[in-house]
C-alpha atoms as a PDB file:
ATOM      1  CA  MET A   1       3.423 -12.771  25.840  1.00  0.00           C
ATOM      2  CA  PRO A   2       2.985  -8.891  26.331  1.00  0.00           C
ATOM      3  CA  GLU A   3      -0.561  -7.519  26.351  1.00  0.00           C
ATOM      4  CA  ILE A   4      -1.779  -6.683  22.788  1.00  0.00           C
ATOM      5  CA  ILE A   5      -2.688  -2.924  22.864  1.00  0.00           C
ATOM      6  CA  HIS A   6      -5.287  -2.296  20.189  1.00  0.00           C
ATOM      7  CA  VAL A   7      -4.902   1.460  18.999  1.00  0.00           C
ATOM      8  CA  MET A   8      -7.213   3.490  16.623  1.00  0.00           C
ATOM      9  CA  ALA A   9      -5.472   5.932  14.541  1.00  0.00           C
ATOM     10  CA  GLY A  10      -6.695   8.445  11.916  1.00  0.00           C
ATOM     11  CA  ALA A  11      -4.844   9.330   8.735  1.00  0.00           C
ATOM     12  CA  ILE A  12      -6.659  12.655   8.386  1.00  0.00           C
ATOM     13  CA  ALA A  13      -6.409  14.110   4.780  1.00  0.00           C
ATOM     14  CA  ASP A  14      -7.011  17.792   3.737  1.00  0.00           C
ATOM     15  CA  ALA A  15      -8.260  18.965   0.315  1.00  0.00           C
ATOM     16  CA  SER A  16      -4.716  18.868  -1.135  1.00  0.00           C
ATOM     17  CA  GLY A  17      -3.791  15.248   0.366  1.00  0.00           C
ATOM     18  CA  ARG A  18      -1.915  16.303   3.186  1.00  0.00           C
ATOM     19  CA  ILE A  19      -2.072  14.188   6.304  1.00  0.00           C
ATOM     20  CA  LEU A  20      -2.530  15.375   9.721  1.00  0.00           C
ATOM     21  CA  VAL A  21       0.412  14.354  12.282  1.00  0.00           C
ATOM     22  CA  GLY A  22       0.950  15.386  15.955  1.00  0.00           C
ATOM     23  CA  LYS A  23       3.999  15.078  18.143  1.00  0.00           C
ATOM     24  CA  ARG A  24       4.089  12.811  21.054  1.00  0.00           C
ATOM     25  CA  PRO A  25       5.109  14.557  24.612  1.00  0.00           C
ATOM     26  CA  ASP A  26       8.615  13.962  25.576  1.00  0.00           C
ATOM     27  CA  HIS A  27       7.955  11.754  28.743  1.00  0.00           C
ATOM     28  CA  VAL A  28       5.785   9.133  27.214  1.00  0.00           C
ATOM     29  CA  HIS A  29       6.729   6.018  25.191  1.00  0.00           C
ATOM     30  CA  GLN A  30       8.279   6.979  21.908  1.00  0.00           C
ATOM     31  CA  GLY A  31       8.195  10.526  22.981  1.00  0.00           C
ATOM     32  CA  GLY A  32       9.255  13.398  20.640  1.00  0.00           C
ATOM     33  CA  LEU A  33       8.306  11.513  17.563  1.00  0.00           C
ATOM     34  CA  TRP A  34       5.405  12.400  15.237  1.00  0.00           C
ATOM     35  CA  GLU A  35       2.450  10.032  15.013  1.00  0.00           C
ATOM     36  CA  PHE A  36      -1.243   9.735  13.429  1.00  0.00           C
ATOM     37  CA  PRO A  37      -3.633  10.804  15.771  1.00  0.00           C
ATOM     38  CA  GLY A  38      -5.795   8.240  18.147  1.00  0.00           C
ATOM     39  CA  GLY A  39      -5.596   6.391  21.111  1.00  0.00           C
ATOM     40  CA  LYS A  40      -6.522   2.997  22.706  1.00  0.00           C
ATOM     41  CA  LEU A  41      -9.657   1.087  21.656  1.00  0.00           C
ATOM     42  CA  GLU A  42     -11.869   0.796  24.760  1.00  0.00           C
ATOM     43  CA  PRO A  43     -13.454  -2.832  25.688  1.00  0.00           C
ATOM     44  CA  GLY A  44     -16.344  -3.476  23.707  1.00  0.00           C
ATOM     45  CA  GLU A  45     -16.081  -0.459  21.527  1.00  0.00           C
ATOM     46  CA  SER A  46     -16.301  -0.955  17.666  1.00  0.00           C
ATOM     47  CA  PRO A  47     -13.139   0.630  15.775  1.00  0.00           C
ATOM     48  CA  GLU A  48     -15.260   3.113  14.096  1.00  0.00           C
ATOM     49  CA  ALA A  49     -16.799   4.463  17.447  1.00  0.00           C
ATOM     50  CA  GLY A  50     -13.143   4.186  18.967  1.00  0.00           C
ATOM     51  CA  LEU A  51     -11.712   6.225  16.256  1.00  0.00           C
ATOM     52  CA  ALA A  52     -14.401   8.650  16.309  1.00  0.00           C
ATOM     53  CA  ARG A  53     -14.387   9.367  20.044  1.00  0.00           C
ATOM     54  CA  GLU A  54     -10.404   9.430  20.028  1.00  0.00           C
ATOM     55  CA  LEU A  55     -10.527  12.068  17.342  1.00  0.00           C
ATOM     56  CA  ALA A  56     -13.275  14.082  18.897  1.00  0.00           C
ATOM     57  CA  GLU A  57     -11.277  14.086  22.416  1.00  0.00           C
ATOM     58  CA  GLU A  58      -7.960  14.768  20.933  1.00  0.00           C
ATOM     59  CA  LEU A  59      -8.614  17.022  17.942  1.00  0.00           C
ATOM     60  CA  GLY A  60     -12.238  18.476  18.413  1.00  0.00           C
ATOM     61  CA  ILE A  61     -13.377  16.942  15.170  1.00  0.00           C
ATOM     62  CA  GLN A  62     -16.315  14.743  14.241  1.00  0.00           C
ATOM     63  CA  VAL A  63     -15.765  12.040  11.501  1.00  0.00           C
ATOM     64  CA  ARG A  64     -18.155  11.917   8.797  1.00  0.00           C
ATOM     65  CA  ALA A  65     -16.614   9.465   6.548  1.00  0.00           C
ATOM     66  CA  GLY A  66     -13.563   7.097   6.651  1.00  0.00           C
ATOM     67  CA  ARG A  67     -12.294   3.602   5.514  1.00  0.00           C
ATOM     68  CA  PRO A  68      -9.768   1.025   6.740  1.00  0.00           C
ATOM     69  CA  LEU A  69      -6.302   2.067   5.578  1.00  0.00           C
ATOM     70  CA  ILE A  70      -3.891  -0.570   7.260  1.00  0.00           C
ATOM     71  CA  ARG A  71      -3.297  -2.705  10.247  1.00  0.00           C
ATOM     72  CA  VAL A  72       0.098  -2.864  11.728  1.00  0.00           C
ATOM     73  CA  HIS A  73       1.113  -5.346  14.476  1.00  0.00           C
ATOM     74  CA  HIS A  74       4.415  -4.032  16.020  1.00  0.00           C
ATOM     75  CA  ASP A  75       6.466  -5.651  18.979  1.00  0.00           C
ATOM     76  CA  TYR A  76       8.494  -3.061  21.008  1.00  0.00           C
ATOM     77  CA  GLY A  77       9.652  -5.750  23.570  1.00  0.00           C
ATOM     78  CA  ASP A  78       7.777  -4.319  26.338  1.00  0.00           C
ATOM     79  CA  ARG A  79       4.640  -4.037  24.588  1.00  0.00           C
ATOM     80  CA  HIS A  80       2.850  -5.329  21.470  1.00  0.00           C
ATOM     81  CA  ILE A  81       0.894  -2.533  19.570  1.00  0.00           C
ATOM     82  CA  LEU A  82      -1.917  -3.125  16.952  1.00  0.00           C
ATOM     83  CA  LEU A  83      -2.230  -0.021  15.196  1.00  0.00           C
ATOM     84  CA  ASP A  84      -5.639  -0.039  13.342  1.00  0.00           C
ATOM     85  CA  VAL A  85      -5.382   2.953  10.845  1.00  0.00           C
ATOM     86  CA  HIS A  86      -8.451   4.321   9.059  1.00  0.00           C
ATOM     87  CA  ARG A  87      -8.047   7.010   6.300  1.00  0.00           C
ATOM     88  CA  VAL A  88     -10.416   9.945   6.988  1.00  0.00           C
ATOM     89  CA  ASP A  89     -11.325  12.274   4.269  1.00  0.00           C
ATOM     90  CA  ASP A  90     -14.698  13.735   5.449  1.00  0.00           C
ATOM     91  CA  TYR A  91     -15.118  15.487   9.048  1.00  0.00           C
ATOM     92  CA  ALA A  92     -16.462  18.482  10.860  1.00  0.00           C
ATOM     93  CA  GLY A  93     -14.704  20.915  12.689  1.00  0.00           C
ATOM     94  CA  VAL A  94     -11.212  22.356  12.601  1.00  0.00           C
ATOM     95  CA  PRO A  95      -8.491  20.055  13.942  1.00  0.00           C
ATOM     96  CA  HIS A  96      -6.414  21.573  17.101  1.00  0.00           C
ATOM     97  CA  GLY A  97      -4.342  20.070  19.680  1.00  0.00           C
ATOM     98  CA  ARG A  98      -6.949  19.869  22.540  1.00  0.00           C
ATOM     99  CA  GLU A  99      -4.084  18.346  24.593  1.00  0.00           C
ATOM    100  CA  GLY A 100      -1.445  21.006  23.805  1.00  0.00           C
ATOM    101  CA  GLN A 101       0.177  18.783  21.345  1.00  0.00           C
ATOM    102  CA  PRO A 102       1.930  20.397  18.148  1.00  0.00           C
ATOM    103  CA  LEU A 103       0.283  19.509  14.918  1.00  0.00           C
ATOM    104  CA  ASP A 104       1.306  19.635  11.401  1.00  0.00           C
ATOM    105  CA  TRP A 105       0.065  18.732   7.845  1.00  0.00           C
ATOM    106  CA  LEU A 106       2.359  16.822   5.747  1.00  0.00           C
ATOM    107  CA  ALA A 107       2.247  15.359   2.335  1.00  0.00           C
ATOM    108  CA  PRO A 108       3.140  11.627   2.611  1.00  0.00           C
ATOM    109  CA  GLU A 109       6.117  12.125   0.088  1.00  0.00           C
ATOM    110  CA  ASP A 110       7.529  14.716   2.832  1.00  0.00           C
ATOM    111  CA  MET A 111       7.167  12.375   5.850  1.00  0.00           C
ATOM    112  CA  ASP A 112      10.561  11.125   7.045  1.00  0.00           C
ATOM    113  CA  PRO A 113      10.097   7.726   8.480  1.00  0.00           C
ATOM    114  CA  ALA A 114      12.935   8.241  11.069  1.00  0.00           C
ATOM    115  CA  ALA A 115      10.705  11.019  12.814  1.00  0.00           C
ATOM    116  CA  PHE A 116       7.997   8.475  13.405  1.00  0.00           C
ATOM    117  CA  PRO A 117       7.647   5.415  15.776  1.00  0.00           C
ATOM    118  CA  ALA A 118       8.596   2.144  14.077  1.00  0.00           C
ATOM    119  CA  ALA A 119       5.123   1.016  13.921  1.00  0.00           C
ATOM    120  CA  ASP A 120       3.991   3.993  12.021  1.00  0.00           C
ATOM    121  CA  ARG A 121       6.430   3.549   9.261  1.00  0.00           C
ATOM    122  CA  PRO A 122       4.249   0.995   7.098  1.00  0.00           C
ATOM    123  CA  ILE A 123       1.407   3.570   7.458  1.00  0.00           C
ATOM    124  CA  ILE A 124       3.580   6.137   5.549  1.00  0.00           C
ATOM    125  CA  THR A 125       4.147   3.554   2.764  1.00  0.00           C
ATOM    126  CA  ALA A 126       0.265   2.789   2.458  1.00  0.00           C
ATOM    127  CA  LEU A 127      -0.409   6.626   2.250  1.00  0.00           C
ATOM    128  CA  ARG A 128       2.225   7.081  -0.745  1.00  0.00           C
ATOM    129  CA  LEU A 129       0.785   4.175  -2.516  1.00  0.00           C
ATOM    130  CA  PRO A 130      -2.469   4.377  -4.756  1.00  0.00           C
ATOM    131  CA  PRO A 131      -5.565   1.985  -4.349  1.00  0.00           C
ATOM    132  CA  LEU A 132      -5.136   0.650  -7.612  1.00  0.00           C
ATOM    133  CA  MET A 133      -1.993  -1.017  -9.341  1.00  0.00           C
ATOM    134  CA  LEU A 134      -2.393  -1.602 -13.141  1.00  0.00           C
ATOM    135  CA  ILE A 135      -0.937  -4.771 -14.318  1.00  0.00           C
ATOM    136  CA  THR A 136      -0.089  -4.159 -18.387  1.00  0.00           C
ATOM    137  CA  GLY A 137      -1.884  -6.770 -20.436  1.00  0.00           C
ATOM    138  CA  GLU A 138      -2.195  -7.542 -24.013  1.00  0.00           C
ATOM    139  CA  GLU A 139      -0.079  -6.665 -27.114  1.00  0.00           C
ATOM    140  CA  PRO A 140       3.485  -5.848 -25.386  1.00  0.00           C
ATOM    141  CA  ASP A 141       4.880  -6.899 -28.642  1.00  0.00           C
ATOM    142  CA  ARG A 142       3.091  -4.225 -30.751  1.00  0.00           C
ATOM    143  CA  PRO A 143       4.942  -1.021 -30.233  1.00  0.00           C
ATOM    144  CA  ASP A 144       2.159   0.816 -32.038  1.00  0.00           C
ATOM    145  CA  ALA A 145      -0.674  -0.574 -29.812  1.00  0.00           C
ATOM    146  CA  PHE A 146       0.721  -0.968 -26.371  1.00  0.00           C
ATOM    147  CA  PRO A 147       1.858   2.611 -25.797  1.00  0.00           C
ATOM    148  CA  ALA A 148      -1.721   3.731 -26.732  1.00  0.00           C
ATOM    149  CA  ARG A 149      -3.489   1.532 -24.534  1.00  0.00           C
ATOM    150  CA  LEU A 150      -1.010   2.370 -21.552  1.00  0.00           C
ATOM    151  CA  GLY A 151      -1.610   5.961 -22.284  1.00  0.00           C
ATOM    152  CA  ARG A 152      -5.321   5.642 -21.974  1.00  0.00           C
ATOM    153  CA  ALA A 153      -5.017   4.040 -18.713  1.00  0.00           C
ATOM    154  CA  LEU A 154      -2.875   6.777 -17.513  1.00  0.00           C
ATOM    155  CA  GLU A 155      -5.209   9.549 -18.947  1.00  0.00           C
ATOM    156  CA  VAL A 156      -7.992   7.981 -16.567  1.00  0.00           C
ATOM    157  CA  GLY A 157      -6.051   7.849 -13.448  1.00  0.00           C
ATOM    158  CA  ALA A 158      -3.713   5.043 -13.480  1.00  0.00           C
ATOM    159  CA  ARG A 159      -0.750   5.948 -11.109  1.00  0.00           C
ATOM    160  CA  LEU A 160       0.989   2.853 -10.256  1.00  0.00           C
ATOM    161  CA  VAL A 161       1.810   0.441 -13.120  1.00  0.00           C
ATOM    162  CA  GLN A 162       3.526  -2.877 -13.315  1.00  0.00           C
ATOM    163  CA  LEU A 163       5.052  -3.833 -16.528  1.00  0.00           C
ATOM    164  CA  ARG A 164       4.403  -7.559 -17.078  1.00  0.00           C
ATOM    165  CA  ALA A 165       5.645  -8.873 -20.479  1.00  0.00           C
ATOM    166  CA  HIS A 166       7.238 -12.326 -19.629  1.00  0.00           C
ATOM    167  CA  GLN A 167       7.191 -13.523 -23.452  1.00  0.00           C
ATOM    168  CA  LEU A 168       9.512 -10.353 -24.626  1.00  0.00           C
ATOM    169  CA  SER A 169      13.155 -11.067 -24.900  1.00  0.00           C
ATOM    170  CA  ALA A 170      15.453  -8.867 -22.274  1.00  0.00           C
ATOM    171  CA  ASN A 171      16.306  -6.613 -25.033  1.00  0.00           C
ATOM    172  CA  ASP A 172      12.635  -6.104 -26.362  1.00  0.00           C
ATOM    173  CA  TYR A 173      11.512  -5.549 -22.727  1.00  0.00           C
ATOM    174  CA  ALA A 174      14.169  -3.006 -22.211  1.00  0.00           C
ATOM    175  CA  HIS A 175      12.932  -1.072 -25.039  1.00  0.00           C
ATOM    176  CA  LEU A 176       9.173  -1.198 -23.835  1.00  0.00           C
ATOM    177  CA  ALA A 177      10.302  -0.229 -20.420  1.00  0.00           C
ATOM    178  CA  GLN A 178      12.058   2.898 -21.756  1.00  0.00           C
ATOM    179  CA  SER A 179       8.754   3.837 -23.687  1.00  0.00           C
ATOM    180  CA  ALA A 180       6.395   3.029 -20.792  1.00  0.00           C
ATOM    181  CA  PHE A 181       8.679   4.847 -18.192  1.00  0.00           C
ATOM    182  CA  ASP A 182       8.724   8.065 -20.335  1.00  0.00           C
ATOM    183  CA  LEU A 183       4.820   7.688 -20.466  1.00  0.00           C
ATOM    184  CA  CYS A 184       4.471   7.077 -16.781  1.00  0.00           C
ATOM    185  CA  ASP A 185       6.917   9.825 -15.757  1.00  0.00           C
ATOM    186  CA  ARG A 186       5.059  12.539 -17.991  1.00  0.00           C
ATOM    187  CA  MET A 187       1.936  11.653 -16.339  1.00  0.00           C
ATOM    188  CA  GLY A 188       3.215  11.414 -12.609  1.00  0.00           C
ATOM    189  CA  ALA A 189       2.791   7.785 -12.421  1.00  0.00           C
ATOM    190  CA  LYS A 190       5.321   5.300 -11.105  1.00  0.00           C
ATOM    191  CA  LEU A 191       6.415   2.423 -13.228  1.00  0.00           C
ATOM    192  CA  LEU A 192       7.502  -1.146 -11.703  1.00  0.00           C
ATOM    193  CA  LEU A 193       9.469  -3.533 -13.711  1.00  0.00           C
ATOM    194  CA  ASN A 194       8.446  -7.108 -13.408  1.00  0.00           C
ATOM    195  CA  ARG A 195      11.589  -8.846 -14.589  1.00  0.00           C
ATOM    196  CA  ASP A 196      14.574 -10.489 -13.043  1.00  0.00           C
ATOM    197  CA  PRO A 197      16.389  -7.704 -11.225  1.00  0.00           C
ATOM    198  CA  ALA A 198      19.675  -8.649 -12.935  1.00  0.00           C
ATOM    199  CA  GLU A 199      18.231  -8.232 -16.400  1.00  0.00           C
ATOM    200  CA  VAL A 200      17.311  -4.535 -15.746  1.00  0.00           C
ATOM    201  CA  THR A 201      20.007  -3.002 -13.941  1.00  0.00           C
ATOM    202  CA  SER A 202      20.201   0.022 -16.388  1.00  0.00           C
ATOM    203  CA  VAL A 203      16.676   0.156 -17.344  1.00  0.00           C
ATOM    204  CA  PRO A 204      14.701   3.288 -16.214  1.00  0.00           C
ATOM    205  CA  ARG A 205      12.031   2.724 -13.608  1.00  0.00           C
ATOM    206  CA  HIS A 206      10.456   3.862 -10.524  1.00  0.00           C
ATOM    207  CA  GLY A 207      10.776   0.385  -8.851  1.00  0.00           C
ATOM    208  CA  LEU A 208      10.830  -3.547  -9.113  1.00  0.00           C
ATOM    209  CA  HIS A 209       8.077  -5.982  -8.815  1.00  0.00           C
ATOM    210  CA  LEU A 210       9.171  -9.678  -8.077  1.00  0.00           C
ATOM    211  CA  ASN A 211       7.405 -12.717  -8.870  1.00  0.00           C
ATOM    212  CA  SER A 212       7.292 -15.366  -6.163  1.00  0.00           C
ATOM    213  CA  GLN A 213       9.910 -17.683  -7.630  1.00  0.00           C
ATOM    214  CA  VAL A 214      12.503 -14.628  -7.595  1.00  0.00           C
ATOM    215  CA  LEU A 215      11.216 -13.738  -3.998  1.00  0.00           C
ATOM    216  CA  MET A 216      11.991 -17.149  -2.380  1.00  0.00           C
ATOM    217  CA  THR A 217      15.608 -17.096  -3.904  1.00  0.00           C
ATOM    218  CA  LEU A 218      16.657 -13.661  -2.536  1.00  0.00           C
ATOM    219  CA  ARG A 219      18.412 -13.182   0.750  1.00  0.00           C
ATOM    220  CA  GLU A 220      18.449  -9.314   0.805  1.00  0.00           C
ATOM    221  CA  ARG A 221      16.244  -6.704  -0.736  1.00  0.00           C
ATOM    222  CA  PRO A 222      17.166  -5.922  -4.288  1.00  0.00           C
ATOM    223  CA  GLY A 223      17.178  -2.588  -6.283  1.00  0.00           C
ATOM    224  CA  ARG A 224      18.380   0.801  -5.954  1.00  0.00           C
ATOM    225  CA  SER A 225      18.064   3.028  -2.728  1.00  0.00           C
ATOM    226  CA  GLY A 226      14.608   5.019  -2.661  1.00  0.00           C
ATOM    227  CA  GLU A 227      12.722   2.955  -5.121  1.00  0.00           C
ATOM    228  CA  LEU A 228       9.684   0.900  -4.548  1.00  0.00           C
ATOM    229  CA  VAL A 229       9.968  -2.853  -4.328  1.00  0.00           C
ATOM    230  CA  GLY A 230       7.427  -5.441  -3.965  1.00  0.00           C
ATOM    231  CA  ALA A 231       6.437  -8.927  -4.770  1.00  0.00           C
ATOM    232  CA  SER A 232       3.586 -11.499  -5.742  1.00  0.00           C
ATOM    233  CA  CYS A 233       2.784 -13.723  -3.108  1.00  0.00           C
ATOM    234  CA  HIS A 234       0.459 -16.764  -2.730  1.00  0.00           C
ATOM    235  CA  ASP A 235       0.753 -17.875   0.957  1.00  0.00           C
ATOM    236  CA  PRO A 236       1.880 -16.778   4.342  1.00  0.00           C
ATOM    237  CA  VAL A 237       5.277 -18.149   3.720  1.00  0.00           C
ATOM    238  CA  GLN A 238       5.835 -16.014   0.613  1.00  0.00           C
ATOM    239  CA  LEU A 239       4.261 -13.065   2.695  1.00  0.00           C
ATOM    240  CA  ALA A 240       6.796 -13.505   5.549  1.00  0.00           C
ATOM    241  CA  ARG A 241       9.626 -13.513   3.089  1.00  0.00           C
ATOM    242  CA  ALA A 242       8.542 -10.083   1.762  1.00  0.00           C
ATOM    243  CA  VAL A 243       8.701  -8.617   5.317  1.00  0.00           C
ATOM    244  CA  ASP A 244      12.101 -10.071   6.187  1.00  0.00           C
ATOM    245  CA  LEU A 245      13.481  -8.706   3.061  1.00  0.00           C
ATOM    246  CA  GLY A 246      11.951  -5.164   3.894  1.00  0.00           C
ATOM    247  CA  LEU A 247       9.619  -4.891   0.808  1.00  0.00           C
ATOM    248  CA  ASP A 248       7.439  -1.911   0.447  1.00  0.00           C
ATOM    249  CA  TYR A 249       4.306  -3.844  -0.370  1.00  0.00           C
ATOM    250  CA  ALA A 250       3.107  -7.347  -1.679  1.00  0.00           C
ATOM    251  CA  LEU A 251       0.235  -8.749  -3.912  1.00  0.00           C
ATOM    252  CA  LEU A 252      -1.799 -11.904  -2.568  1.00  0.00           C
ATOM    253  CA  SER A 253      -3.724 -13.939  -4.983  1.00  0.00           C
ATOM    254  CA  PRO A 254      -5.952 -15.323  -6.305  1.00  0.00           C
ATOM    255  CA  VAL A 255      -8.627 -13.736  -4.225  1.00  0.00           C
ATOM    256  CA  LYS A 256     -11.276 -14.693  -6.829  1.00  0.00           C
ATOM    257  CA  PRO A 257     -11.356 -17.340  -9.936  1.00  0.00           C
ATOM    258  CA  THR A 258      -9.051 -15.738 -12.671  1.00  0.00           C
ATOM    259  CA  ALA A 259      -9.052 -16.671 -16.300  1.00  0.00           C
ATOM    260  CA  SER A 260      -5.318 -16.287 -16.314  1.00  0.00           C
ATOM    261  CA  HIS A 261      -4.899 -19.047 -13.655  1.00  0.00           C
ATOM    262  CA  PRO A 262      -8.126 -21.178 -13.849  1.00  0.00           C
ATOM    263  CA  GLU A 263      -6.427 -24.087 -11.938  1.00  0.00           C
ATOM    264  CA  ALA A 264      -5.547 -21.930  -8.910  1.00  0.00           C
ATOM    265  CA  SER A 265      -8.092 -22.220  -6.070  1.00  0.00           C
ATOM    266  CA  PRO A 266      -9.306 -18.643  -5.002  1.00  0.00           C
ATOM    267  CA  LEU A 267      -8.527 -17.679  -1.433  1.00  0.00           C
ATOM    268  CA  GLY A 268     -11.690 -15.796  -0.947  1.00  0.00           C
ATOM    269  CA  TRP A 269     -11.918 -12.562   1.140  1.00  0.00           C
ATOM    270  CA  GLU A 270     -11.873 -14.113   4.865  1.00  0.00           C
ATOM    271  CA  THR A 271      -8.669 -16.142   3.985  1.00  0.00           C
ATOM    272  CA  PHE A 272      -7.149 -13.171   2.275  1.00  0.00           C
ATOM    273  CA  ALA A 273      -7.908 -10.876   5.423  1.00  0.00           C
ATOM    274  CA  ALA A 274      -6.561 -13.737   7.813  1.00  0.00           C
ATOM    275  CA  TRP A 275      -3.403 -14.177   6.011  1.00  0.00           C
ATOM    276  CA  ILE A 276      -2.502 -10.236   5.650  1.00  0.00           C
ATOM    277  CA  ASP A 277      -3.517  -9.342   9.294  1.00  0.00           C
ATOM    278  CA  PRO A 278       0.021 -10.093  10.795  1.00  0.00           C
ATOM    279  CA  VAL A 279       1.821  -8.470   7.731  1.00  0.00           C
ATOM    280  CA  PRO A 280       3.295  -5.015   8.468  1.00  0.00           C
ATOM    281  CA  LEU A 281       3.094  -4.114   4.671  1.00  0.00           C
ATOM    282  CA  PRO A 282       0.503  -2.811   2.417  1.00  0.00           C
ATOM    283  CA  VAL A 283      -0.910  -5.840   0.413  1.00  0.00           C
ATOM    284  CA  TYR A 284      -2.860  -5.467  -2.772  1.00  0.00           C
ATOM    285  CA  ALA A 285      -5.709  -8.172  -3.500  1.00  0.00           C
ATOM    286  CA  LEU A 286      -5.247  -9.694  -6.926  1.00  0.00           C
ATOM    287  CA  GLY A 287      -7.310 -12.210  -9.070  1.00  0.00           C
ATOM    288  CA  GLY A 288     -10.505 -11.738 -10.878  1.00  0.00           C
ATOM    289  CA  LEU A 289     -11.128  -8.272  -9.529  1.00  0.00           C
ATOM    290  CA  THR A 290     -12.335  -4.909 -10.913  1.00  0.00           C
ATOM    291  CA  THR A 291     -12.892  -1.508  -9.286  1.00  0.00           C
ATOM    292  CA  ASP A 292     -16.209  -2.848  -8.239  1.00  0.00           C
ATOM    293  CA  ASP A 293     -14.252  -4.888  -5.851  1.00  0.00           C
ATOM    294  CA  LEU A 294     -12.472  -1.933  -4.137  1.00  0.00           C
ATOM    295  CA  ASP A 295     -14.810  -1.457  -1.091  1.00  0.00           C
ATOM    296  CA  ASP A 296     -14.587  -5.214  -0.119  1.00  0.00           C
ATOM    297  CA  ALA A 297     -10.942  -4.927  -0.509  1.00  0.00           C
ATOM    298  CA  PHE A 298     -10.760  -2.161   1.832  1.00  0.00           C
ATOM    299  CA  GLN A 299     -12.873  -3.907   4.356  1.00  0.00           C
ATOM    300  CA  HIS A 300     -10.860  -6.893   4.497  1.00  0.00           C
ATOM    301  CA  GLY A 301      -7.617  -4.886   5.090  1.00  0.00           C
ATOM    302  CA  ALA A 302      -6.157  -4.705   1.547  1.00  0.00           C
ATOM    303  CA  GLN A 303      -4.309  -1.442   0.141  1.00  0.00           C
ATOM    304  CA  GLY A 304      -6.574  -1.818  -3.017  1.00  0.00           C
ATOM    305  CA  ILE A 305      -6.655  -4.070  -5.899  1.00  0.00           C
ATOM    306  CA  ALA A 306      -4.397  -5.080  -8.542  1.00  0.00           C
ATOM    307  CA  ALA A 307      -5.554  -6.296 -11.884  1.00  0.00           C
ATOM    308  CA  ILE A 308      -4.728  -6.893 -15.516  1.00  0.00           C
ATOM    309  CA  ARG A 309      -8.315  -7.381 -17.245  1.00  0.00           C
ATOM    310  CA  GLY A 310     -10.113  -5.269 -14.811  1.00  0.00           C
ATOM    311  CA  LEU A 311      -7.899  -2.240 -15.301  1.00  0.00           C
ATOM    312  CA  TRP A 312      -6.303  -2.547 -18.918  1.00  0.00           C
ATOM    313  CA  PRO A 313      -8.210  -0.573 -21.341  1.00  0.00           C
ATOM    314  CA  ALA A 314      -9.896  -2.181 -24.358  1.00  0.00           C
ATOM    315  CA  ARG A 315      -8.661  -1.884 -27.638  1.00  0.00           C
END
């Protein structure tokens, strides 16, 4: 087994949401590719202290505030890297390449994954995804009430919406998806269809969300090129299948007791963190959560939270 090299990296954001990247020297491992600034964690050093030291040495800035974004294990064959990435939104100083490295500011949507080391590519996905996923709730069969509630959620900032309406027929679901897509597209949000992919081949969307049963039957990633595809997972086997299929994200539940599945034993935050640590995907926490749980989710390695009751507007 090669030694695990623990690397701290910073996703340093400016006021417009662009992220700072630097180019690796041509003569080093993965030379000539863009990367997120950082370096090796020293023995006995905390992740926060290591990140602050590396960014001061490399860029001449002082970190004021940050949070965990994602941890990515990657085996290059000759070395095993653990990339421990924190998002940095507040810092002092003006970043500059103190080691002569070229720097650039890129919007996450403009990042070309092929221009980054393979271990960095899940970081790009994590930067593109918001911290909250709204799962639609009550009244999908009421064409007057449902769009109004979805519209209120979008107005207060929902930017990733999973359309969940299992009780509807395929035809009724397609009609609902069309109106939901129009709303989301107008507000700059992405709509994910939680339906058998075969039933929504011609339905407008920004991506697909797979339930765990569908996930475990697939042999290849479904959907169209360039769209988001993720899945609901409940154990490490299902998380591993999401990775094998090359999905963009996963949900893991239930973290806490939930009214929708009272029979399910909650994982708790420690088990959640242990199960997602080897998973090189952004993973949302689900189950009995509200926005009050967002900091706990970040500290335990989650992309953020997904919720129905915690995010779906009241009537």
